[in-house]
């Protein structure tokens, strides 16, 4: 991961109040690492809230 990328456990901790799980945090971390800005999901509750260094929102 780059120095600005967050690992899944960091994302889970950061978004603890949201209830972000490890799997969703992993998807977000990999998307950030690969520069992906679009994620196909039926569960938008997490992906529309999480803000990363390179992506405003998914």
C-alpha atoms as a PDB file:
ATOM      1  CA  UNK A   1       0.000   0.000   0.000  1.00  0.00           C
ATOM      2  CA  UNK A   2       1.072   3.533  -0.542  1.00  0.00           C
ATOM      3  CA  UNK A   3       1.818   5.741   2.425  1.00  0.00           C
ATOM      4  CA  UNK A   4      -1.531   7.512   2.014  1.00  0.00           C
ATOM      5  CA  UNK A   5      -3.587   4.319   1.671  1.00  0.00           C
ATOM      6  CA  UNK A   6      -5.359   2.979   4.713  1.00  0.00           C
ATOM      7  CA  UNK A   7      -5.334  -0.700   5.613  1.00  0.00           C
ATOM      8  CA  UNK A   8      -8.706  -2.391   6.245  1.00  0.00           C
ATOM      9  CA  UNK A   9      -8.275  -2.433  10.058  1.00  0.00           C
ATOM     10  CA  UNK A  10      -7.632   1.332  10.003  1.00  0.00           C
ATOM     11  CA  UNK A  11     -10.790   1.903   7.949  1.00  0.00           C
ATOM     12  CA  UNK A  12     -12.844  -0.273  10.309  1.00  0.00           C
ATOM     13  CA  UNK A  13     -11.559   1.768  13.251  1.00  0.00           C
ATOM     14  CA  UNK A  14     -12.053   5.126  11.519  1.00  0.00           C
ATOM     15  CA  UNK A  15     -15.641   4.291  10.544  1.00  0.00           C
ATOM     16  CA  UNK A  16     -16.480   2.369  13.735  1.00  0.00           C
ATOM     17  CA  UNK A  17     -19.724   4.308  14.280  1.00  0.00           C
ATOM     18  CA  UNK A  18     -20.865   3.379  10.782  1.00  0.00           C
ATOM     19  CA  UNK A  19     -20.350  -0.340  11.404  1.00  0.00           C
ATOM     20  CA  UNK A  20     -17.997  -0.802   8.455  1.00  0.00           C
ATOM     21  CA  UNK A  21     -16.993  -4.467   8.289  1.00  0.00           C
ATOM     22  CA  UNK A  22     -13.699  -6.039   7.315  1.00  0.00           C
ATOM     23  CA  UNK A  23     -14.863  -7.208   3.882  1.00  0.00           C
ATOM     24  CA  UNK A  24     -16.215  -3.803   2.843  1.00  0.00           C
ATOM     25  CA  UNK A  25     -13.111  -2.134   4.279  1.00  0.00           C
ATOM     26  CA  UNK A  26     -10.950  -4.516   2.227  1.00  0.00           C
ATOM     27  CA  UNK A  27     -12.852  -3.676  -0.969  1.00  0.00           C
ATOM     28  CA  UNK A  28     -12.406   0.033  -0.257  1.00  0.00           C
ATOM     29  CA  UNK A  29      -8.683  -0.358   0.539  1.00  0.00           C
ATOM     30  CA  UNK A  30      -8.017  -2.329  -2.654  1.00  0.00           C
ATOM     31  CA  UNK A  31     -10.042   0.139  -4.731  1.00  0.00           C
ATOM     32  CA  UNK A  32      -8.007   3.013  -3.337  1.00  0.00           C
ATOM     33  CA  UNK A  33      -4.740   1.204  -3.968  1.00  0.00           C
ATOM     34  CA  UNK A  34      -5.692   0.460  -7.581  1.00  0.00           C
ATOM     35  CA  UNK A  35      -7.138   3.920  -8.206  1.00  0.00           C
ATOM     36  CA  UNK A  36     -10.665   2.589  -8.762  1.00  0.00           C
ATOM     37  CA  UNK A  37     -13.350   5.253  -8.418  1.00  0.00           C
ATOM     38  CA  UNK A  38     -16.432   3.172  -9.227  1.00  0.00           C
ATOM     39  CA  UNK A  39     -17.597   0.146  -7.241  1.00  0.00           C
ATOM     40  CA  UNK A  40     -20.641  -1.901  -8.234  1.00  0.00           C
ATOM     41  CA  UNK A  41     -22.649  -2.689  -5.102  1.00  0.00           C
ATOM     42  CA  UNK A  42     -26.197  -3.067  -3.889  1.00  0.00           C
ATOM     43  CA  UNK A  43     -25.192  -1.784  -0.445  1.00  0.00           C
ATOM     44  CA  UNK A  44     -24.357   1.915  -0.876  1.00  0.00           C
ATOM     45  CA  UNK A  45     -24.487   2.756   2.835  1.00  0.00           C
ATOM     46  CA  UNK A  46     -20.714   2.428   3.334  1.00  0.00           C
ATOM     47  CA  UNK A  47     -19.359   3.243  -0.084  1.00  0.00           C
ATOM     48  CA  UNK A  48     -21.127   6.603  -0.306  1.00  0.00           C
ATOM     49  CA  UNK A  49     -19.823   7.733   3.109  1.00  0.00           C
ATOM     50  CA  UNK A  50     -16.162   6.668   3.188  1.00  0.00           C
ATOM     51  CA  UNK A  51     -13.761   9.376   2.003  1.00  0.00           C
ATOM     52  CA  UNK A  52     -10.262   8.505   0.898  1.00  0.00           C
ATOM     53  CA  UNK A  53      -7.218  10.523  -0.084  1.00  0.00           C
ATOM     54  CA  UNK A  54      -7.680  10.058  -3.845  1.00  0.00           C
ATOM     55  CA  UNK A  55     -11.427   9.461  -4.121  1.00  0.00           C
ATOM     56  CA  UNK A  56     -14.140  11.842  -2.903  1.00  0.00           C
ATOM     57  CA  UNK A  57     -16.727   9.027  -2.681  1.00  0.00           C
ATOM     58  CA  UNK A  58     -17.560   5.845  -4.524  1.00  0.00           C
END
